[in-house]
Amino acid sequence: MATFKDLEDSFKNFLIQEQSDAHSSRNVSVAKYNNIKIWMDLSKYTQPHFFVRISISEAVFALNDCTKINGGLGYEERFVSKWFGRMGIKDKLTELWNSAEKDN
């Protein structure tokens, strides 16, 4: 079973790769992505969702189609949906949601 840490590492690597491809790798602030956090909070939202925090920015996305529910990530927000569309990411998030719902 995937963990939130696995997803955080996956998203961090995706962000760095996407930006390195688009710009000179010297312009990518890797340190900014060292504290990426992905989680779910069933007490705040009952619909399936996931939170993403990058630095001081935070947003909540719907698990079914990755539409933003609340918050904002600025420039990096567009990368969330691209990462979400990668093979297996939605399945891993859904698995974590189902596990959290069962434990609740």
C-alpha atoms as a PDB file:
ATOM      1  CA  MET A   1       0.000   0.000   0.000  1.00  0.00           C
ATOM      2  CA  ALA A   2       1.218   3.469  -0.862  1.00  0.00           C
ATOM      3  CA  THR A   3       1.885   5.976   1.889  1.00  0.00           C
ATOM      4  CA  PHE A   4       1.536   9.744   1.968  1.00  0.00           C
ATOM      5  CA  LYS A   5       5.346   9.909   2.097  1.00  0.00           C
ATOM      6  CA  ASP A   6       5.524   7.922  -1.168  1.00  0.00           C
ATOM      7  CA  LEU A   7       3.125  10.391  -2.802  1.00  0.00           C
ATOM      8  CA  GLU A   8       5.002  13.402  -1.427  1.00  0.00           C
ATOM      9  CA  ASP A   9       8.266  12.060  -2.857  1.00  0.00           C
ATOM     10  CA  SER A  10       6.563  11.304  -6.171  1.00  0.00           C
ATOM     11  CA  PHE A  11       5.114  14.823  -6.402  1.00  0.00           C
ATOM     12  CA  LYS A  12       8.412  16.450  -5.405  1.00  0.00           C
ATOM     13  CA  ASN A  13      10.311  14.496  -8.069  1.00  0.00           C
ATOM     14  CA  PHE A  14       7.610  15.316 -10.633  1.00  0.00           C
ATOM     15  CA  LEU A  15       7.798  19.052  -9.853  1.00  0.00           C
ATOM     16  CA  ILE A  16      11.574  19.122 -10.161  1.00  0.00           C
ATOM     17  CA  GLN A  17      11.527  17.113 -13.397  1.00  0.00           C
ATOM     18  CA  GLU A  18       8.794  19.223 -15.003  1.00  0.00           C
ATOM     19  CA  GLN A  19      10.535  22.476 -14.172  1.00  0.00           C
ATOM     20  CA  SER A  20      13.959  21.202 -15.163  1.00  0.00           C
ATOM     21  CA  ASP A  21      12.544  20.233 -18.562  1.00  0.00           C
ATOM     22  CA  ALA A  22      10.906  23.627 -19.034  1.00  0.00           C
ATOM     23  CA  HIS A  23      13.729  25.838 -17.714  1.00  0.00           C
ATOM     24  CA  SER A  24      17.371  25.666 -16.964  1.00  0.00           C
ATOM     25  CA  SER A  25      17.783  23.367 -13.968  1.00  0.00           C
ATOM     26  CA  ARG A  26      19.686  26.176 -12.266  1.00  0.00           C
ATOM     27  CA  ASN A  27      16.398  28.077 -11.908  1.00  0.00           C
ATOM     28  CA  VAL A  28      14.580  25.282 -10.036  1.00  0.00           C
ATOM     29  CA  SER A  29      14.386  25.884  -6.297  1.00  0.00           C
ATOM     30  CA  VAL A  30      14.699  22.300  -5.045  1.00  0.00           C
ATOM     31  CA  ALA A  31      14.846  23.414  -1.402  1.00  0.00           C
ATOM     32  CA  LYS A  32      11.357  24.891  -1.740  1.00  0.00           C
ATOM     33  CA  TYR A  33      10.016  21.379  -2.327  1.00  0.00           C
ATOM     34  CA  ASN A  34      11.697  19.688   0.633  1.00  0.00           C
ATOM     35  CA  ASN A  35       8.624  20.161   2.824  1.00  0.00           C
ATOM     36  CA  ILE A  36       5.826  19.121   0.467  1.00  0.00           C
ATOM     37  CA  LYS A  37       2.956  17.662   2.446  1.00  0.00           C
ATOM     38  CA  ILE A  38       0.011  15.610   1.144  1.00  0.00           C
ATOM     39  CA  TRP A  39      -2.786  14.479   3.464  1.00  0.00           C
ATOM     40  CA  MET A  40      -6.528  14.031   3.949  1.00  0.00           C
ATOM     41  CA  ASP A  41      -8.763  15.392   6.701  1.00  0.00           C
ATOM     42  CA  LEU A  42     -12.118  13.634   6.986  1.00  0.00           C
ATOM     43  CA  SER A  43     -13.233  16.017   9.726  1.00  0.00           C
ATOM     44  CA  LYS A  44     -13.051  19.043   7.381  1.00  0.00           C
ATOM     45  CA  TYR A  45     -14.415  17.616   4.120  1.00  0.00           C
ATOM     46  CA  THR A  46     -16.696  14.612   3.705  1.00  0.00           C
ATOM     47  CA  GLN A  47     -16.220  14.332  -0.054  1.00  0.00           C
ATOM     48  CA  PRO A  48     -13.107  12.411  -1.142  1.00  0.00           C
ATOM     49  CA  HIS A  49     -10.240  14.903  -1.279  1.00  0.00           C
ATOM     50  CA  PHE A  50      -6.555  15.485  -0.671  1.00  0.00           C
ATOM     51  CA  PHE A  51      -4.597  18.459   0.626  1.00  0.00           C
ATOM     52  CA  VAL A  52      -1.316  19.638  -0.876  1.00  0.00           C
ATOM     53  CA  ARG A  53       1.008  22.045   0.922  1.00  0.00           C
ATOM     54  CA  ILE A  54       4.061  23.550  -0.748  1.00  0.00           C
ATOM     55  CA  SER A  55       6.011  25.910   1.480  1.00  0.00           C
ATOM     56  CA  ILE A  56       3.345  28.195   3.002  1.00  0.00           C
ATOM     57  CA  SER A  57       0.709  27.626   0.299  1.00  0.00           C
ATOM     58  CA  GLU A  58      -2.032  25.032   0.667  1.00  0.00           C
ATOM     59  CA  ALA A  59      -4.947  23.793  -1.430  1.00  0.00           C
ATOM     60  CA  VAL A  60      -7.581  21.045  -1.299  1.00  0.00           C
ATOM     61  CA  PHE A  61      -8.439  19.018  -4.393  1.00  0.00           C
ATOM     62  CA  ALA A  62     -11.326  16.652  -5.154  1.00  0.00           C
ATOM     63  CA  LEU A  63     -10.207  13.058  -5.453  1.00  0.00           C
ATOM     64  CA  ASN A  64     -12.515  12.195  -8.347  1.00  0.00           C
ATOM     65  CA  ASP A  65     -11.208  14.765 -10.860  1.00  0.00           C
ATOM     66  CA  CYS A  66      -8.581  16.912  -9.105  1.00  0.00           C
ATOM     67  CA  THR A  67     -10.684  20.085  -9.199  1.00  0.00           C
ATOM     68  CA  LYS A  68      -9.660  22.608  -6.582  1.00  0.00           C
ATOM     69  CA  ILE A  69     -12.065  22.790  -3.629  1.00  0.00           C
ATOM     70  CA  ASN A  70     -10.315  25.473  -1.607  1.00  0.00           C
ATOM     71  CA  GLY A  71      -7.009  27.333  -1.192  1.00  0.00           C
ATOM     72  CA  GLY A  72      -4.294  27.938  -3.734  1.00  0.00           C
ATOM     73  CA  LEU A  73      -0.735  26.981  -4.605  1.00  0.00           C
ATOM     74  CA  GLY A  74       0.121  29.741  -7.031  1.00  0.00           C
ATOM     75  CA  TYR A  75       2.407  28.758  -9.889  1.00  0.00           C
ATOM     76  CA  GLU A  76       2.718  25.119  -8.790  1.00  0.00           C
ATOM     77  CA  GLU A  77      -1.043  24.519  -8.785  1.00  0.00           C
ATOM     78  CA  ARG A  78      -1.059  23.518 -12.448  1.00  0.00           C
ATOM     79  CA  PHE A  79       1.439  20.765 -11.698  1.00  0.00           C
ATOM     80  CA  VAL A  80      -0.950  19.067  -9.252  1.00  0.00           C
ATOM     81  CA  SER A  81      -3.416  18.101 -11.991  1.00  0.00           C
ATOM     82  CA  LYS A  82      -0.598  16.976 -14.299  1.00  0.00           C
ATOM     83  CA  TRP A  83       0.849  14.807 -11.520  1.00  0.00           C
ATOM     84  CA  PHE A  84      -2.628  13.529 -10.585  1.00  0.00           C
ATOM     85  CA  GLY A  85      -3.094  12.368 -14.190  1.00  0.00           C
ATOM     86  CA  ARG A  86      -0.023  10.149 -14.087  1.00  0.00           C
ATOM     87  CA  MET A  87      -0.596   6.418 -13.999  1.00  0.00           C
ATOM     88  CA  GLY A  88      -1.417   5.108 -10.532  1.00  0.00           C
ATOM     89  CA  ILE A  89      -1.549   8.404  -8.609  1.00  0.00           C
ATOM     90  CA  LYS A  90      -5.357   8.584  -8.388  1.00  0.00           C
ATOM     91  CA  ASP A  91      -5.479   4.885  -7.434  1.00  0.00           C
ATOM     92  CA  LYS A  92      -2.962   5.397  -4.621  1.00  0.00           C
ATOM     93  CA  LEU A  93      -4.846   8.427  -3.290  1.00  0.00           C
ATOM     94  CA  THR A  94      -8.139   6.512  -3.481  1.00  0.00           C
ATOM     95  CA  GLU A  95      -6.582   3.610  -1.594  1.00  0.00           C
ATOM     96  CA  LEU A  96      -5.434   5.986   1.161  1.00  0.00           C
ATOM     97  CA  TRP A  97      -8.881   7.629   1.262  1.00  0.00           C
ATOM     98  CA  ASN A  98     -10.631   4.248   1.602  1.00  0.00           C
ATOM     99  CA  SER A  99      -8.228   3.224   4.345  1.00  0.00           C
ATOM    100  CA  ALA A 100      -8.744   6.495   6.252  1.00  0.00           C
ATOM    101  CA  GLU A 101     -12.520   6.252   5.868  1.00  0.00           C
ATOM    102  CA  LYS A 102     -12.495   2.683   7.175  1.00  0.00           C
ATOM    103  CA  ASP A 103     -10.396   3.709  10.205  1.00  0.00           C
ATOM    104  CA  ASN A 104     -12.671   6.639  10.991  1.00  0.00           C
END
